Every structure is written in C-alpha cells, then in structure tokens.
Amino acid sequence: MAVTVTQLSEGRIEISWNRVDDRHGHLAAAADSGELAHALQALGDEYGAGYDPHEPPEQALAAAADTTRLARLLEARAAVLAVHLRDDHKLSWRTIARAVHGDPEKQSTVRRQYDAGHRHIEGG
C-alpha cells in the first residue's frame, strides 16, 4: 500500500501519500477540509460524535457533516473494491461476504455493494 500511517508516539501519527496515491484528490481534500480530523475524532470520542457536547451546535453540525461526507466516500470506494474482488480476482460472493462483513451468508449485501460499485464506476 502506498499510503502509509506511521505511529510516531502515543496519540500521534503521520499519514503520508503522494499524488499518484491520491489521483482524485480525495485524501488531500479530506485532510485540508477537516473531514478526516472530524472522522478520526468520532472514532476515538467517548460520545462517538467527534465533537465536545459543550460546544455550540454549529460545531456538532460540522462534525456530523464532515464525518458523513467521508463515510459516503468510503462506502463508494468499498463498493468499487467489491467489483474488483468479484471481476478481477473472481472471488465468490460467499468469500467476499466473509472477508468484508464477517458472515458468508451476507451475499445479498455484497451483491448490492457490487451493483453500487458498478454504478459508481460508470459515473451514475
């Protein structure tokens, strides 16, 4: 993987990539806009919201909007990965479901992801 995450010390990381790793600029945009920071804060936040509940509601709205935008982008990228797993690697629906969802019976979920991935690839 060309994108690297290096733990520098407790609570401190460095994320690095180059232009080839981020052809569409999604990483740079997420970092520059604060989306990545809000999403990471939501992962570690005791409230699970990525904001301090004592801050104004505008801060909560910004955290929710940023985290949601990044989550949607990641969902689209995961769907495209399902297409590649099926079409390029010829993996079965069960194998993909087991790896991605931890349950080989979630084949219909993977098929929906696959269909969404094709729509994303085709620009729809």
Protein backbone atom coordinates (compact mmCIF):
# COMPACT_ATOMS: atom_id res chain seq x y z
CA MET A 1 0.00 0.00 0.00
CA ALA A 2 1.42 3.35 -1.00
CA VAL A 3 -0.44 5.34 1.66
CA THR A 4 1.38 4.90 4.96
CA VAL A 5 0.31 5.53 8.52
CA THR A 6 3.20 5.68 10.97
CA GLN A 7 2.73 5.80 14.72
CA LEU A 8 5.20 8.38 16.00
CA SER A 9 4.30 8.15 19.68
CA GLU A 10 1.29 7.52 21.89
CA GLY A 11 -1.54 9.54 20.36
CA ARG A 12 0.50 10.81 17.44
CA ILE A 13 0.57 9.52 13.86
CA GLU A 14 1.82 10.62 10.49
CA ILE A 15 -0.10 9.89 7.30
CA SER A 16 1.79 10.18 4.04
CA TRP A 17 0.99 9.69 0.38
CA ASN A 18 1.92 11.15 -2.96
CA ARG A 19 -0.09 12.46 -5.89
CA VAL A 20 -0.14 9.04 -7.60
CA ASP A 21 -1.69 7.53 -4.46
CA ASP A 22 -4.41 10.19 -4.47
CA ARG A 23 -5.24 10.66 -8.15
CA HIS A 24 -8.68 12.09 -7.45
CA GLY A 25 -7.51 14.27 -4.57
CA HIS A 26 -9.82 12.66 -2.01
CA LEU A 27 -7.12 12.28 0.65
CA ALA A 28 -5.87 15.82 0.25
CA ALA A 29 -9.40 17.24 0.28
CA ALA A 30 -10.37 15.22 3.38
CA ALA A 31 -7.24 16.40 5.20
CA ASP A 32 -7.49 20.03 4.08
CA SER A 33 -11.21 20.40 4.81
CA GLY A 34 -11.13 18.89 8.30
CA GLU A 35 -13.28 15.91 7.27
CA LEU A 36 -10.53 13.46 8.14
CA ALA A 37 -9.93 15.08 11.52
CA HIS A 38 -13.63 15.01 12.40
CA ALA A 39 -14.00 11.38 11.30
CA LEU A 40 -10.95 10.29 13.29
CA GLN A 41 -12.15 12.24 16.30
CA ALA A 42 -15.54 10.48 16.03
CA LEU A 43 -13.74 7.11 16.13
CA GLY A 44 -11.96 7.91 19.37
CA ASP A 45 -14.52 10.18 21.05
CA GLU A 46 -16.26 8.84 24.15
CA TYR A 47 -19.50 10.28 22.78
CA GLY A 48 -18.87 8.75 19.37
CA ALA A 49 -19.75 12.05 17.78
CA GLY A 50 -16.44 13.73 17.07
CA TYR A 51 -17.24 16.90 18.99
CA ASP A 52 -17.47 18.26 22.52
CA PRO A 53 -21.14 18.36 23.62
CA HIS A 54 -20.45 21.65 25.40
CA GLU A 55 -19.51 23.35 22.12
CA PRO A 56 -22.13 25.22 20.07
CA PRO A 57 -24.48 23.18 17.86
CA GLU A 58 -22.69 24.52 14.76
CA GLN A 59 -19.63 22.53 15.79
CA ALA A 60 -21.74 19.37 16.12
CA LEU A 61 -23.30 20.01 12.71
CA ALA A 62 -19.88 20.50 11.12
CA ALA A 63 -18.56 17.29 12.70
CA ALA A 64 -21.61 15.34 11.56
CA ALA A 65 -21.48 16.73 8.02
CA ASP A 66 -17.75 16.10 7.63
CA THR A 67 -17.92 12.58 9.05
CA THR A 68 -20.94 11.73 6.89
CA ARG A 69 -19.29 13.00 3.70
CA LEU A 70 -16.20 10.93 4.37
CA ALA A 71 -18.29 7.87 5.29
CA ARG A 72 -20.20 8.15 1.98
CA LEU A 73 -16.96 8.39 0.04
CA LEU A 74 -15.58 5.34 1.84
CA GLU A 75 -18.81 3.42 1.17
CA ALA A 76 -18.47 4.20 -2.54
CA ARG A 77 -14.82 3.11 -2.51
CA ALA A 78 -15.73 -0.13 -0.69
CA ALA A 79 -18.36 -0.80 -3.35
CA VAL A 80 -15.78 -0.36 -6.10
CA LEU A 81 -13.49 -2.76 -4.23
CA ALA A 82 -16.32 -5.33 -4.26
CA VAL A 83 -16.41 -5.02 -8.06
CA HIS A 84 -12.67 -5.63 -8.27
CA LEU A 85 -12.80 -8.58 -5.88
CA ARG A 86 -15.52 -10.22 -7.97
CA ASP A 87 -14.50 -9.25 -11.51
CA ASP A 88 -10.70 -9.13 -11.31
CA HIS A 89 -10.00 -11.75 -8.66
CA LYS A 90 -13.01 -13.97 -9.48
CA LEU A 91 -13.85 -14.43 -5.79
CA SER A 92 -17.18 -15.95 -4.83
CA TRP A 93 -19.94 -13.91 -3.20
CA ARG A 94 -19.51 -16.01 -0.04
CA THR A 95 -15.76 -15.38 0.12
CA ILE A 96 -16.23 -11.63 -0.28
CA ALA A 97 -19.08 -11.58 2.28
CA ARG A 98 -16.96 -13.47 4.81
CA ALA A 99 -13.98 -11.14 4.36
CA VAL A 100 -15.90 -7.87 4.17
CA HIS A 101 -18.83 -8.47 6.55
CA GLY A 102 -17.59 -11.37 8.66
CA ASP A 103 -20.50 -13.52 7.50
CA PRO A 104 -20.56 -15.66 4.34
CA GLU A 105 -24.37 -15.50 4.36
CA LYS A 106 -24.34 -11.75 3.63
CA GLN A 107 -24.05 -12.44 -0.08
CA SER A 108 -27.01 -10.22 -0.97
CA THR A 109 -25.35 -7.32 0.85
CA VAL A 110 -22.18 -7.85 -1.20
CA ARG A 111 -24.21 -8.04 -4.41
CA ARG A 112 -25.82 -4.69 -3.60
CA GLN A 113 -22.35 -3.24 -2.96
CA TYR A 114 -21.19 -4.74 -6.24
CA ASP A 115 -24.08 -3.13 -8.14
CA ALA A 116 -23.43 0.21 -6.43
CA GLY A 117 -19.75 -0.11 -7.31
CA HIS A 118 -20.59 -0.59 -10.97
CA ARG A 119 -22.83 2.48 -10.91
CA HIS A 120 -20.02 4.48 -9.31
CA ILE A 121 -17.50 3.27 -11.90
CA GLU A 122 -19.89 4.14 -14.72
CA GLY A 123 -20.40 7.61 -13.24
CA GLY A 124 -24.00 7.12 -12.24
